[in-house]
Every structure is written in structure tokens, then in C-alpha cells.
């Protein structure tokens, strides 16, 4: 019903991106550019997307600079690692895959998102 007003997405597709309370602040459903777009605020959404992309680029440059300094100084450098996943070789395909290592559901239960970076 009213599919023409919702880009002809199915009901399931429409609900997949619905915000859910209690999720990590890094959950993609909280992306401010996406929320603006879904509310039809296209110009604001585009500007916000540009801001987010620039923030990501600066974060990456900062990590690369820290790694370069550590290499020059001969000090250990701990590269970026995802919070809840680790790269492992899939035993069947022998390809690298991100495998859940735990912690998300415990953080959600406690509503302790202190380990989450500020990505938005």
C-alpha cells in the first residue's frame, strides 16, 4: 500500500533501515545524512554526507600519520581494529573474512557504548 510514495520498496526493505533504540551510536541507521535524505531534505543530506566523508578522510590521515611517526621512531603502533570483528581466514574458502569476536550484545545489554568512536 502506498508503495509509489516509498520508492516502490517492499515493506521489509522499508523497515530494515528503521532506527532502533538502544543500538550503538555507530550503527549506520543513525547516519545523519541518511536520516535527512529519508526526510526529503536532499540539499542538507548532501552537505552532511560531504561533512561525514571529510571527517572520515581526516581520521584516516591522522591514523596514517601516527603509523608513520611510530615507524620513524621505532615505537610500537597499534593499527585500527574493528570493535566487534576480527579478520580470519575462512576455513572453507580460505579467504579473509570479518568474524564476530563478541562484545556487542554485552555492550547493548549494559547500554555502555564508551568504546565506540565518534564517527558521525
PDB file of N, CA and C in Angstrom:
ATOM      1  N   UNK A   1       0.839  -1.187   0.000  1.00  0.00           N
ATOM      2  CA  UNK A   1       0.000   0.000   0.000  1.00  0.00           C
ATOM      3  C   UNK A   1       0.882   1.249   0.000  1.00  0.00           C
ATOM      4  N   UNK A   2       0.584   2.201  -0.828  1.00  0.00           N
ATOM      5  CA  UNK A   2       1.300   3.474  -0.945  1.00  0.00           C
ATOM      6  C   UNK A   2       2.763   3.291  -1.374  1.00  0.00           C
ATOM      7  N   UNK A   3       3.069   2.206  -2.050  1.00  0.00           N
ATOM      8  CA  UNK A   3       4.445   1.926  -2.476  1.00  0.00           C
ATOM      9  C   UNK A   3       5.018   3.038  -3.339  1.00  0.00           C
ATOM     10  N   UNK A   4       4.159   3.679  -4.139  1.00  0.00           N
ATOM     11  CA  UNK A   4       4.641   4.749  -5.008  1.00  0.00           C
ATOM     12  C   UNK A   4       5.218   5.916  -4.210  1.00  0.00           C
ATOM     13  N   UNK A   5       4.817   6.061  -2.965  1.00  0.00           N
ATOM     14  CA  UNK A   5       5.349   7.131  -2.107  1.00  0.00           C
ATOM     15  C   UNK A   5       6.632   6.707  -1.395  1.00  0.00           C
ATOM     16  N   UNK A   6       6.969   5.461  -1.496  1.00  0.00           N
ATOM     17  CA  UNK A   6       8.139   4.931  -0.800  1.00  0.00           C
ATOM     18  C   UNK A   6       9.111   4.277  -1.782  1.00  0.00           C
ATOM     19  N   UNK A   7       9.256   4.879  -2.938  1.00  0.00           N
ATOM     20  CA  UNK A   7      10.213   4.431  -3.954  1.00  0.00           C
ATOM     21  C   UNK A   7       9.987   2.985  -4.373  1.00  0.00           C
ATOM     22  N   UNK A   8       8.781   2.484  -4.189  1.00  0.00           N
ATOM     23  CA  UNK A   8       8.391   1.115  -4.552  1.00  0.00           C
ATOM     24  C   UNK A   8       9.189   0.050  -3.790  1.00  0.00           C
ATOM     25  N   UNK A   9       9.700   0.431  -2.609  1.00  0.00           N
ATOM     26  CA  UNK A   9      10.367  -0.556  -1.757  1.00  0.00           C
ATOM     27  C   UNK A   9       9.310  -1.444  -1.115  1.00  0.00           C
ATOM     28  N   UNK A  10       9.687  -2.680  -0.843  1.00  0.00           N
ATOM     29  CA  UNK A  10       8.780  -3.571  -0.132  1.00  0.00           C
ATOM     30  C   UNK A  10       8.704  -3.124   1.333  1.00  0.00           C
ATOM     31  N   UNK A  11       7.726  -3.640   2.039  1.00  0.00           N
ATOM     32  CA  UNK A  11       7.592  -3.297   3.460  1.00  0.00           C
ATOM     33  C   UNK A  11       8.839  -3.737   4.231  1.00  0.00           C
ATOM     34  N   UNK A  12       9.372  -4.896   3.887  1.00  0.00           N
ATOM     35  CA  UNK A  12      10.592  -5.371   4.546  1.00  0.00           C
ATOM     36  C   UNK A  12      11.742  -4.395   4.299  1.00  0.00           C
ATOM     37  N   UNK A  13      11.938  -3.984   3.063  1.00  0.00           N
ATOM     38  CA  UNK A  13      13.034  -3.066   2.743  1.00  0.00           C
ATOM     39  C   UNK A  13      12.892  -1.760   3.506  1.00  0.00           C
ATOM     40  N   UNK A  14      11.679  -1.283   3.662  1.00  0.00           N
ATOM     41  CA  UNK A  14      11.451  -0.036   4.387  1.00  0.00           C
ATOM     42  C   UNK A  14      11.776  -0.172   5.871  1.00  0.00           C
ATOM     43  N   UNK A  15      11.524  -1.325   6.437  1.00  0.00           N
ATOM     44  CA  UNK A  15      11.751  -1.492   7.876  1.00  0.00           C
ATOM     45  C   UNK A  15      13.208  -1.802   8.210  1.00  0.00           C
ATOM     46  N   UNK A  16      13.988  -2.261   7.236  1.00  0.00           N
ATOM     47  CA  UNK A  16      15.387  -2.610   7.525  1.00  0.00           C
ATOM     48  C   UNK A  16      16.199  -1.414   8.010  1.00  0.00           C
ATOM     49  N   UNK A  17      15.856  -0.228   7.571  1.00  0.00           N
ATOM     50  CA  UNK A  17      16.624   0.952   7.931  1.00  0.00           C
ATOM     51  C   UNK A  17      15.961   1.773   9.033  1.00  0.00           C
ATOM     52  N   UNK A  18      14.905   1.262   9.607  1.00  0.00           N
ATOM     53  CA  UNK A  18      14.216   1.991  10.666  1.00  0.00           C
ATOM     54  C   UNK A  18      15.104   2.063  11.903  1.00  0.00           C
ATOM     55  N   UNK A  19      15.243   3.258  12.497  1.00  0.00           N
ATOM     56  CA  UNK A  19      16.058   3.367  13.714  1.00  0.00           C
ATOM     57  C   UNK A  19      15.520   2.460  14.816  1.00  0.00           C
ATOM     58  N   UNK A  20      16.436   1.932  15.605  1.00  0.00           N
ATOM     59  CA  UNK A  20      16.077   1.050  16.712  1.00  0.00           C
ATOM     60  C   UNK A  20      16.732   1.607  17.964  1.00  0.00           C
ATOM     61  N   UNK A  21      15.969   1.865  18.976  1.00  0.00           N
ATOM     62  CA  UNK A  21      16.551   2.422  20.193  1.00  0.00           C
ATOM     63  C   UNK A  21      17.488   1.410  20.844  1.00  0.00           C
ATOM     64  N   UNK A  22      18.500   1.924  21.500  1.00  0.00           N
ATOM     65  CA  UNK A  22      19.428   1.070  22.231  1.00  0.00           C
ATOM     66  C   UNK A  22      20.572   0.518  21.420  1.00  0.00           C
ATOM     67  N   UNK A  23      20.668   0.854  20.137  1.00  0.00           N
ATOM     68  CA  UNK A  23      21.774   0.353  19.323  1.00  0.00           C
ATOM     69  C   UNK A  23      22.982   1.265  19.463  1.00  0.00           C
ATOM     70  N   UNK A  24      24.124   0.767  19.022  1.00  0.00           N
ATOM     71  CA  UNK A  24      25.375   1.514  19.121  1.00  0.00           C
ATOM     72  C   UNK A  24      25.280   2.835  18.368  1.00  0.00           C
ATOM     73  N   UNK A  25      25.946   3.868  18.866  1.00  0.00           N
ATOM     74  CA  UNK A  25      25.922   5.153  18.150  1.00  0.00           C
ATOM     75  C   UNK A  25      26.630   5.081  16.800  1.00  0.00           C
ATOM     76  N   UNK A  26      27.334   4.003  16.533  1.00  0.00           N
ATOM     77  CA  UNK A  26      27.995   3.806  15.247  1.00  0.00           C
ATOM     78  C   UNK A  26      27.120   3.037  14.262  1.00  0.00           C
ATOM     79  N   UNK A  27      25.935   2.622  14.676  1.00  0.00           N
ATOM     80  CA  UNK A  27      25.008   1.901  13.809  1.00  0.00           C
ATOM     81  C   UNK A  27      24.673   2.782  12.609  1.00  0.00           C
ATOM     82  N   UNK A  28      24.758   2.230  11.419  1.00  0.00           N
ATOM     83  CA  UNK A  28      24.555   3.031  10.207  1.00  0.00           C
ATOM     84  C   UNK A  28      23.154   3.629  10.127  1.00  0.00           C
ATOM     85  N   UNK A  29      22.214   3.083  10.881  1.00  0.00           N
ATOM     86  CA  UNK A  29      20.867   3.651  10.874  1.00  0.00           C
ATOM     87  C   UNK A  29      20.828   5.027  11.523  1.00  0.00           C
ATOM     88  N   UNK A  30      21.887   5.404  12.217  1.00  0.00           N
ATOM     89  CA  UNK A  30      21.955   6.724  12.846  1.00  0.00           C
ATOM     90  C   UNK A  30      22.675   7.746  11.972  1.00  0.00           C
ATOM     91  N   UNK A  31      23.088   7.364  10.776  1.00  0.00           N
ATOM     92  CA  UNK A  31      23.783   8.320   9.901  1.00  0.00           C
ATOM     93  C   UNK A  31      22.905   9.538   9.664  1.00  0.00           C
ATOM     94  N   UNK A  32      23.402  10.721  10.041  1.00  0.00           N
ATOM     95  CA  UNK A  32      22.566  11.914   9.893  1.00  0.00           C
ATOM     96  C   UNK A  32      22.247  12.250   8.436  1.00  0.00           C
ATOM     97  N   UNK A  33      23.152  11.963   7.506  1.00  0.00           N
ATOM     98  CA  UNK A  33      22.862  12.253   6.102  1.00  0.00           C
ATOM     99  C   UNK A  33      21.739  11.355   5.589  1.00  0.00           C
ATOM    100  N   UNK A  34      21.721  10.133   6.047  1.00  0.00           N
ATOM    101  CA  UNK A  34      20.682   9.193   5.632  1.00  0.00           C
ATOM    102  C   UNK A  34      19.327   9.617   6.171  1.00  0.00           C
ATOM    103  N   UNK A  35      19.296  10.030   7.428  1.00  0.00           N
ATOM    104  CA  UNK A  35      18.042  10.490   8.030  1.00  0.00           C
ATOM    105  C   UNK A  35      17.504  11.703   7.263  1.00  0.00           C
ATOM    106  N   UNK A  36      18.389  12.637   6.927  1.00  0.00           N
ATOM    107  CA  UNK A  36      17.966  13.822   6.178  1.00  0.00           C
ATOM    108  C   UNK A  36      17.418  13.430   4.806  1.00  0.00           C
ATOM    109  N   UNK A  37      18.100  12.507   4.142  1.00  0.00           N
ATOM    110  CA  UNK A  37      17.652  12.067   2.825  1.00  0.00           C
ATOM    111  C   UNK A  37      16.271  11.426   2.913  1.00  0.00           C
ATOM    112  N   UNK A  38      16.087  10.567   3.913  1.00  0.00           N
ATOM    113  CA  UNK A  38      14.801   9.890   4.049  1.00  0.00           C
ATOM    114  C   UNK A  38      13.669  10.854   4.365  1.00  0.00           C
ATOM    115  N   UNK A  39      14.019  12.009   4.887  1.00  0.00           N
ATOM    116  CA  UNK A  39      13.012  13.032   5.166  1.00  0.00           C
ATOM    117  C   UNK A  39      12.866  14.016   4.010  1.00  0.00           C
ATOM    118  N   UNK A  40      13.511  13.710   2.881  1.00  0.00           N
ATOM    119  CA  UNK A  40      13.370  14.528   1.687  1.00  0.00           C
ATOM    120  C   UNK A  40      14.162  15.824   1.715  1.00  0.00           C
ATOM    121  N   UNK A  41      15.097  15.952   2.626  1.00  0.00           N
ATOM    122  CA  UNK A  41      15.896  17.169   2.738  1.00  0.00           C
ATOM    123  C   UNK A  41      17.214  16.945   1.993  1.00  0.00           C
ATOM    124  N   UNK A  42      17.124  16.893   0.670  1.00  0.00           N
ATOM    125  CA  UNK A  42      18.214  16.466  -0.199  1.00  0.00           C
ATOM    126  C   UNK A  42      19.457  17.350  -0.111  1.00  0.00           C
ATOM    127  N   UNK A  43      19.294  18.655  -0.148  1.00  0.00           N
ATOM    128  CA  UNK A  43      20.462  19.547  -0.107  1.00  0.00           C
ATOM    129  C   UNK A  43      21.202  19.416   1.218  1.00  0.00           C
ATOM    130  N   UNK A  44      20.454  19.356   2.311  1.00  0.00           N
ATOM    131  CA  UNK A  44      21.071  19.184   3.621  1.00  0.00           C
ATOM    132  C   UNK A  44      21.753  17.815   3.723  1.00  0.00           C
ATOM    133  N   UNK A  45      21.102  16.804   3.165  1.00  0.00           N
ATOM    134  CA  UNK A  45      21.666  15.454   3.193  1.00  0.00           C
ATOM    135  C   UNK A  45      22.994  15.408   2.446  1.00  0.00           C
ATOM    136  N   UNK A  46      23.052  16.060   1.288  1.00  0.00           N
ATOM    137  CA  UNK A  46      24.280  16.080   0.508  1.00  0.00           C
ATOM    138  C   UNK A  46      25.396  16.807   1.260  1.00  0.00           C
ATOM    139  N   UNK A  47      25.070  17.935   1.867  1.00  0.00           N
ATOM    140  CA  UNK A  47      26.069  18.684   2.638  1.00  0.00           C
ATOM    141  C   UNK A  47      26.566  17.854   3.824  1.00  0.00           C
ATOM    142  N   UNK A  48      25.658  17.155   4.469  1.00  0.00           N
ATOM    143  CA  UNK A  48      26.039  16.316   5.619  1.00  0.00           C
ATOM    144  C   UNK A  48      26.895  15.138   5.174  1.00  0.00           C
ATOM    145  N   UNK A  49      26.558  14.563   4.041  1.00  0.00           N
ATOM    146  CA  UNK A  49      27.366  13.456   3.504  1.00  0.00           C
ATOM    147  C   UNK A  49      28.789  13.934   3.218  1.00  0.00           C
ATOM    148  N   UNK A  50      28.923  15.119   2.655  1.00  0.00           N
ATOM    149  CA  UNK A  50      30.248  15.683   2.391  1.00  0.00           C
ATOM    150  C   UNK A  50      31.016  15.879   3.700  1.00  0.00           C
ATOM    151  N   UNK A  51      30.325  16.365   4.738  1.00  0.00           N
ATOM    152  CA  UNK A  51      30.968  16.577   6.036  1.00  0.00           C
ATOM    153  C   UNK A  51      31.460  15.246   6.616  1.00  0.00           C
ATOM    154  N   UNK A  52      30.618  14.228   6.546  1.00  0.00           N
ATOM    155  CA  UNK A  52      30.993  12.918   7.074  1.00  0.00           C
ATOM    156  C   UNK A  52      32.183  12.325   6.320  1.00  0.00           C
ATOM    157  N   UNK A  53      32.177  12.457   5.001  1.00  0.00           N
ATOM    158  CA  UNK A  53      33.284  11.924   4.202  1.00  0.00           C
ATOM    159  C   UNK A  53      34.590  12.643   4.532  1.00  0.00           C
ATOM    160  N   UNK A  54      34.522  13.942   4.726  1.00  0.00           N
ATOM    161  CA  UNK A  54      35.728  14.699   5.094  1.00  0.00           C
ATOM    162  C   UNK A  54      36.217  14.278   6.478  1.00  0.00           C
ATOM    163  N   UNK A  55      35.296  14.051   7.392  1.00  0.00           N
ATOM    164  CA  UNK A  55      35.660  13.585   8.732  1.00  0.00           C
ATOM    165  C   UNK A  55      36.366  12.228   8.649  1.00  0.00           C
ATOM    166  N   UNK A  56      35.863  11.340   7.795  1.00  0.00           N
ATOM    167  CA  UNK A  56      36.488  10.029   7.609  1.00  0.00           C
ATOM    168  C   UNK A  56      37.885  10.163   7.014  1.00  0.00           C
ATOM    169  N   UNK A  57      38.026  11.054   6.025  1.00  0.00           N
ATOM    170  CA  UNK A  57      39.345  11.262   5.415  1.00  0.00           C
ATOM    171  C   UNK A  57      40.354  11.790   6.432  1.00  0.00           C
ATOM    172  N   UNK A  58      39.937  12.747   7.257  1.00  0.00           N
ATOM    173  CA  UNK A  58      40.835  13.303   8.269  1.00  0.00           C
ATOM    174  C   UNK A  58      41.233  12.251   9.296  1.00  0.00           C
ATOM    175  N   UNK A  59      40.294  11.417   9.678  1.00  0.00           N
ATOM    176  CA  UNK A  59      40.581  10.348  10.629  1.00  0.00           C
ATOM    177  C   UNK A  59      41.601   9.368  10.044  1.00  0.00           C
ATOM    178  N   UNK A  60      41.428   9.023   8.793  1.00  0.00           N
ATOM    179  CA  UNK A  60      42.370   8.111   8.125  1.00  0.00           C
ATOM    180  C   UNK A  60      43.761   8.744   8.025  1.00  0.00           C
ATOM    181  N   UNK A  61      43.819  10.026   7.643  1.00  0.00           N
ATOM    182  CA  UNK A  61      45.113  10.711   7.547  1.00  0.00           C
ATOM    183  C   UNK A  61      45.807  10.753   8.909  1.00  0.00           C
ATOM    184  N   UNK A  62      45.032  10.990   9.963  1.00  0.00           N
ATOM    185  CA  UNK A  62      45.594  11.020  11.313  1.00  0.00           C
ATOM    186  C   UNK A  62      46.185   9.658  11.683  1.00  0.00           C
ATOM    187  N   UNK A  63      45.457   8.575  11.383  1.00  0.00           N
ATOM    188  CA  UNK A  63      45.972   7.227  11.669  1.00  0.00           C
ATOM    189  C   UNK A  63      47.233   6.935  10.863  1.00  0.00           C
ATOM    190  N   UNK A  64      47.228   7.338   9.584  1.00  0.00           N
ATOM    191  CA  UNK A  64      48.410   7.107   8.742  1.00  0.00           C
ATOM    192  C   UNK A  64      49.609   7.893   9.255  1.00  0.00           C
ATOM    193  N   UNK A  65      49.387   9.114   9.716  1.00  0.00           N
ATOM    194  CA  UNK A  65      50.479   9.935  10.253  1.00  0.00           C
ATOM    195  C   UNK A  65      51.020   9.327  11.539  1.00  0.00           C
ATOM    196  N   UNK A  66      50.140   8.827  12.394  1.00  0.00           N
ATOM    197  CA  UNK A  66      50.573   8.174  13.633  1.00  0.00           C
ATOM    198  C   UNK A  66      51.400   6.934  13.316  1.00  0.00           C
ATOM    199  N   UNK A  67      50.987   6.166  12.338  1.00  0.00           N
ATOM    200  CA  UNK A  67      51.724   4.961  11.947  1.00  0.00           C
ATOM    201  C   UNK A  67      53.090   5.336  11.389  1.00  0.00           C
ATOM    202  N   UNK A  68      53.142   6.380  10.585  1.00  0.00           N
ATOM    203  CA  UNK A  68      54.427   6.817  10.014  1.00  0.00           C
ATOM    204  C   UNK A  68      55.369   7.293  11.105  1.00  0.00           C
ATOM    205  N   UNK A  69      54.857   8.074  12.066  1.00  0.00           N
ATOM    206  CA  UNK A  69      55.690   8.533  13.182  1.00  0.00           C
ATOM    207  C   UNK A  69      56.221   7.368  13.991  1.00  0.00           C
ATOM    208  N   UNK A  70      55.364   6.399  14.252  1.00  0.00           N
ATOM    209  CA  UNK A  70      55.779   5.232  15.027  1.00  0.00           C
ATOM    210  C   UNK A  70      56.871   4.464  14.292  1.00  0.00           C
ATOM    211  N   UNK A  71      56.747   4.341  12.989  1.00  0.00           N
ATOM    212  CA  UNK A  71      57.761   3.652  12.185  1.00  0.00           C
ATOM    213  C   UNK A  71      59.085   4.397  12.259  1.00  0.00           C
ATOM    214  N   UNK A  72      59.022   5.723  12.128  1.00  0.00           N
ATOM    215  CA  UNK A  72      60.247   6.535  12.192  1.00  0.00           C
ATOM    216  C   UNK A  72      60.900   6.460  13.563  1.00  0.00           C
ATOM    217  N   UNK A  73      60.093   6.489  14.611  1.00  0.00           N
ATOM    218  CA  UNK A  73      60.615   6.465  15.980  1.00  0.00           C
ATOM    219  C   UNK A  73      60.984   5.058  16.439  1.00  0.00           C
ATOM    220  N   UNK A  74      60.498   4.063  15.730  1.00  0.00           N
ATOM    221  CA  UNK A  74      60.739   2.684  16.142  1.00  0.00           C
ATOM    222  C   UNK A  74      59.879   2.275  17.323  1.00  0.00           C
ATOM    223  N   UNK A  75      58.783   2.999  17.518  1.00  0.00           N
ATOM    224  CA  UNK A  75      57.883   2.660  18.624  1.00  0.00           C
ATOM    225  C   UNK A  75      56.736   1.810  18.109  1.00  0.00           C
ATOM    226  N   UNK A  76      56.176   0.986  18.979  1.00  0.00           N
ATOM    227  CA  UNK A  76      55.065   0.145  18.543  1.00  0.00           C
ATOM    228  C   UNK A  76      53.844   0.982  18.175  1.00  0.00           C
ATOM    229  N   UNK A  77      53.117   0.536  17.185  1.00  0.00           N
ATOM    230  CA  UNK A  77      51.896   1.213  16.766  1.00  0.00           C
ATOM    231  C   UNK A  77      50.796   0.173  16.634  1.00  0.00           C
ATOM    232  N   UNK A  78      49.705   0.422  17.318  1.00  0.00           N
ATOM    233  CA  UNK A  78      48.573  -0.492  17.261  1.00  0.00           C
ATOM    234  C   UNK A  78      47.605   0.024  16.197  1.00  0.00           C
ATOM    235  N   UNK A  79      47.528  -0.628  15.046  1.00  0.00           N
ATOM    236  CA  UNK A  79      46.656  -0.139  13.975  1.00  0.00           C
ATOM    237  C   UNK A  79      45.185  -0.245  14.353  1.00  0.00           C
ATOM    238  N   UNK A  80      44.369   0.434  13.576  1.00  0.00           N
ATOM    239  CA  UNK A  80      42.928   0.404  13.790  1.00  0.00           C
ATOM    240  C   UNK A  80      42.415  -1.028  13.727  1.00  0.00           C
ATOM    241  N   UNK A  81      41.551  -1.349  14.672  1.00  0.00           N
ATOM    242  CA  UNK A  81      40.908  -2.659  14.678  1.00  0.00           C
ATOM    243  C   UNK A  81      39.422  -2.466  14.952  1.00  0.00           C
ATOM    244  N   UNK A  82      38.564  -3.152  14.221  1.00  0.00           N
ATOM    245  CA  UNK A  82      37.128  -3.071  14.497  1.00  0.00           C
ATOM    246  C   UNK A  82      36.838  -3.541  15.920  1.00  0.00           C
ATOM    247  N   UNK A  83      35.792  -2.987  16.518  1.00  0.00           N
ATOM    248  CA  UNK A  83      35.459  -3.334  17.901  1.00  0.00           C
ATOM    249  C   UNK A  83      34.960  -4.761  18.068  1.00  0.00           C
ATOM    250  N   UNK A  84      34.101  -5.192  17.168  1.00  0.00           N
ATOM    251  CA  UNK A  84      33.420  -6.459  17.399  1.00  0.00           C
ATOM    252  C   UNK A  84      33.731  -7.531  16.361  1.00  0.00           C
ATOM    253  N   UNK A  85      34.684  -7.258  15.488  1.00  0.00           N
ATOM    254  CA  UNK A  85      35.030  -8.227  14.450  1.00  0.00           C
ATOM    255  C   UNK A  85      36.539  -8.351  14.341  1.00  0.00           C
ATOM    256  N   UNK A  86      36.992  -9.501  13.857  1.00  0.00           N
ATOM    257  CA  UNK A  86      38.409  -9.684  13.571  1.00  0.00           C
ATOM    258  C   UNK A  86      38.539 -10.400  12.232  1.00  0.00           C
ATOM    259  N   UNK A  87      39.632 -10.123  11.553  1.00  0.00           N
ATOM    260  CA  UNK A  87      39.851 -10.771  10.252  1.00  0.00           C
ATOM    261  C   UNK A  87      40.462 -12.142  10.478  1.00  0.00           C
ATOM    262  N   UNK A  88      39.839 -13.126   9.896  1.00  0.00           N
ATOM    263  CA  UNK A  88      40.309 -14.509   9.990  1.00  0.00           C
ATOM    264  C   UNK A  88      40.135 -15.165   8.632  1.00  0.00           C
ATOM    265  N   UNK A  89      40.935 -16.186   8.416  1.00  0.00           N
ATOM    266  CA  UNK A  89      40.807 -16.946   7.182  1.00  0.00           C
ATOM    267  C   UNK A  89      39.633 -17.913   7.318  1.00  0.00           C
ATOM    268  N   UNK A  90      38.743 -17.851   6.348  1.00  0.00           N
ATOM    269  CA  UNK A  90      37.606 -18.754   6.337  1.00  0.00           C
ATOM    270  C   UNK A  90      38.120 -20.160   6.073  1.00  0.00           C
ATOM    271  N   UNK A  91      37.777 -21.127   6.930  1.00  0.00           N
ATOM    272  CA  UNK A  91      38.298 -22.487   6.753  1.00  0.00           C
ATOM    273  C   UNK A  91      37.832 -23.166   5.472  1.00  0.00           C
ATOM    274  N   UNK A  92      36.710 -22.739   4.927  1.00  0.00           N
ATOM    275  CA  UNK A  92      36.175 -23.369   3.717  1.00  0.00           C
ATOM    276  C   UNK A  92      36.734 -22.701   2.461  1.00  0.00           C
ATOM    277  N   UNK A  93      36.616 -21.369   2.405  1.00  0.00           N
ATOM    278  CA  UNK A  93      37.014 -20.662   1.187  1.00  0.00           C
ATOM    279  C   UNK A  93      38.482 -20.237   1.189  1.00  0.00           C
ATOM    280  N   UNK A  94      39.095 -20.252   2.374  1.00  0.00           N
ATOM    281  CA  UNK A  94      40.483 -19.803   2.543  1.00  0.00           C
ATOM    282  C   UNK A  94      40.647 -18.304   2.277  1.00  0.00           C
ATOM    283  N   UNK A  95      39.557 -17.568   2.250  1.00  0.00           N
ATOM    284  CA  UNK A  95      39.602 -16.118   2.062  1.00  0.00           C
ATOM    285  C   UNK A  95      39.491 -15.432   3.413  1.00  0.00           C
ATOM    286  N   UNK A  96      40.059 -14.220   3.505  1.00  0.00           N
ATOM    287  CA  UNK A  96      39.928 -13.456   4.736  1.00  0.00           C
ATOM    288  C   UNK A  96      38.500 -12.960   4.875  1.00  0.00           C
ATOM    289  N   UNK A  97      37.970 -13.064   6.084  1.00  0.00           N
ATOM    290  CA  UNK A  97      36.605 -12.613   6.362  1.00  0.00           C
ATOM    291  C   UNK A  97      36.587 -11.961   7.739  1.00  0.00           C
ATOM    292  N   UNK A  98      35.658 -11.052   7.935  1.00  0.00           N
ATOM    293  CA  UNK A  98      35.473 -10.452   9.257  1.00  0.00           C
ATOM    294  C   UNK A  98      34.523 -11.350  10.047  1.00  0.00           C
ATOM    295  N   UNK A  99      35.003 -11.822  11.183  1.00  0.00           N
ATOM    296  CA  UNK A  99      34.251 -12.751  12.016  1.00  0.00           C
ATOM    297  C   UNK A  99      33.939 -12.072  13.346  1.00  0.00           C
ATOM    298  N   UNK A 100      32.711 -12.188  13.799  1.00  0.00           N
ATOM    299  CA  UNK A 100      32.292 -11.584  15.060  1.00  0.00           C
ATOM    300  C   UNK A 100      33.118 -12.165  16.200  1.00  0.00           C
ATOM    301  N   UNK A 101      33.680 -11.296  17.039  1.00  0.00           N
ATOM    302  CA  UNK A 101      34.505 -11.756  18.155  1.00  0.00           C
ATOM    303  C   UNK A 101      33.846 -11.549  19.508  1.00  0.00           C
ATOM    304  N   UNK A 102      32.648 -10.989  19.522  1.00  0.00           N
ATOM    305  CA  UNK A 102      31.938 -10.806  20.779  1.00  0.00           C
ATOM    306  C   UNK A 102      32.000  -9.373  21.278  1.00  0.00           C
ATOM    307  N   UNK A 103      31.140  -9.085  22.249  1.00  0.00           N
ATOM    308  CA  UNK A 103      31.153  -7.805  22.914  1.00  0.00           C
ATOM    309  C   UNK A 103      29.984  -6.891  22.595  1.00  0.00           C
ATOM    310  N   UNK A 104      29.447  -6.985  21.386  1.00  0.00           N
ATOM    311  CA  UNK A 104      28.370  -6.063  21.009  1.00  0.00           C
ATOM    312  C   UNK A 104      27.134  -6.266  21.877  1.00  0.00           C
ATOM    313  N   UNK A 105      26.674  -7.492  21.992  1.00  0.00           N
ATOM    314  CA  UNK A 105      25.426  -7.749  22.716  1.00  0.00           C
ATOM    315  C   UNK A 105      25.577  -7.432  24.193  1.00  0.00           C
ATOM    316  N   UNK A 106      26.788  -7.629  24.723  1.00  0.00           N
ATOM    317  CA  UNK A 106      27.041  -7.278  26.121  1.00  0.00           C
ATOM    318  C   UNK A 106      26.978  -5.758  26.302  1.00  0.00           C
ATOM    319  N   UNK A 107      27.573  -5.029  25.350  1.00  0.00           N
ATOM    320  CA  UNK A 107      27.523  -3.561  25.400  1.00  0.00           C
ATOM    321  C   UNK A 107      26.085  -3.067  25.252  1.00  0.00           C
ATOM    322  N   UNK A 108      25.337  -3.709  24.382  1.00  0.00           N
ATOM    323  CA  UNK A 108      23.946  -3.304  24.183  1.00  0.00           C
ATOM    324  C   UNK A 108      23.131  -3.554  25.448  1.00  0.00           C
ATOM    325  N   UNK A 109      23.345  -4.691  26.066  1.00  0.00           N
ATOM    326  CA  UNK A 109      22.603  -5.009  27.289  1.00  0.00           C
ATOM    327  C   UNK A 109      22.894  -3.989  28.387  1.00  0.00           C
ATOM    328  N   UNK A 110      24.159  -3.590  28.506  1.00  0.00           N
ATOM    329  CA  UNK A 110      24.558  -2.610  29.532  1.00  0.00           C
ATOM    330  C   UNK A 110      24.321  -1.173  29.082  1.00  0.00           C
ATOM    331  N   UNK A 111      24.065  -0.992  27.779  1.00  0.00           N
ATOM    332  CA  UNK A 111      23.982   0.341  27.179  1.00  0.00           C
ATOM    333  C   UNK A 111      25.263   1.125  27.458  1.00  0.00           C
ATOM    334  N   UNK A 112      26.379   0.417  27.335  1.00  0.00           N
ATOM    335  CA  UNK A 112      27.700   1.025  27.515  1.00  0.00           C
ATOM    336  C   UNK A 112      28.384   1.070  26.156  1.00  0.00           C
ATOM    337  N   UNK A 113      28.341   2.223  25.536  1.00  0.00           N
ATOM    338  CA  UNK A 113      28.933   2.406  24.212  1.00  0.00           C
ATOM    339  C   UNK A 113      30.218   3.220  24.295  1.00  0.00           C
ATOM    340  N   UNK A 114      30.871   3.216  25.444  1.00  0.00           N
ATOM    341  CA  UNK A 114      32.057   4.049  25.648  1.00  0.00           C
ATOM    342  C   UNK A 114      33.216   3.678  24.726  1.00  0.00           C
ATOM    343  N   UNK A 115      33.245   2.481  24.193  1.00  0.00           N
ATOM    344  CA  UNK A 115      34.322   2.073  23.285  1.00  0.00           C
ATOM    345  C   UNK A 115      34.087   2.556  21.846  1.00  0.00           C
ATOM    346  N   UNK A 116      32.886   2.996  21.563  1.00  0.00           N
ATOM    347  CA  UNK A 116      32.550   3.413  20.197  1.00  0.00           C
ATOM    348  C   UNK A 116      33.192   4.758  19.845  1.00  0.00           C
ATOM    349  N   UNK A 117      33.816   4.834  18.687  1.00  0.00           N
ATOM    350  CA  UNK A 117      34.359   6.128  18.254  1.00  0.00           C
ATOM    351  C   UNK A 117      33.229   7.054  17.786  1.00  0.00           C
ATOM    352  N   UNK A 118      33.524   8.343  17.734  1.00  0.00           N
ATOM    353  CA  UNK A 118      32.565   9.320  17.252  1.00  0.00           C
ATOM    354  C   UNK A 118      32.719   9.395  15.728  1.00  0.00           C
ATOM    355  N   UNK A 119      31.907   8.634  15.010  1.00  0.00           N
ATOM    356  CA  UNK A 119      32.067   8.595  13.553  1.00  0.00           C
ATOM    357  C   UNK A 119      31.101   9.503  12.817  1.00  0.00           C
ATOM    358  N   UNK A 120      30.096  10.013  13.494  1.00  0.00           N
ATOM    359  CA  UNK A 120      29.130  10.876  12.824  1.00  0.00           C
ATOM    360  C   UNK A 120      29.325  12.302  13.278  1.00  0.00           C
TER     361      UNK A 120
END
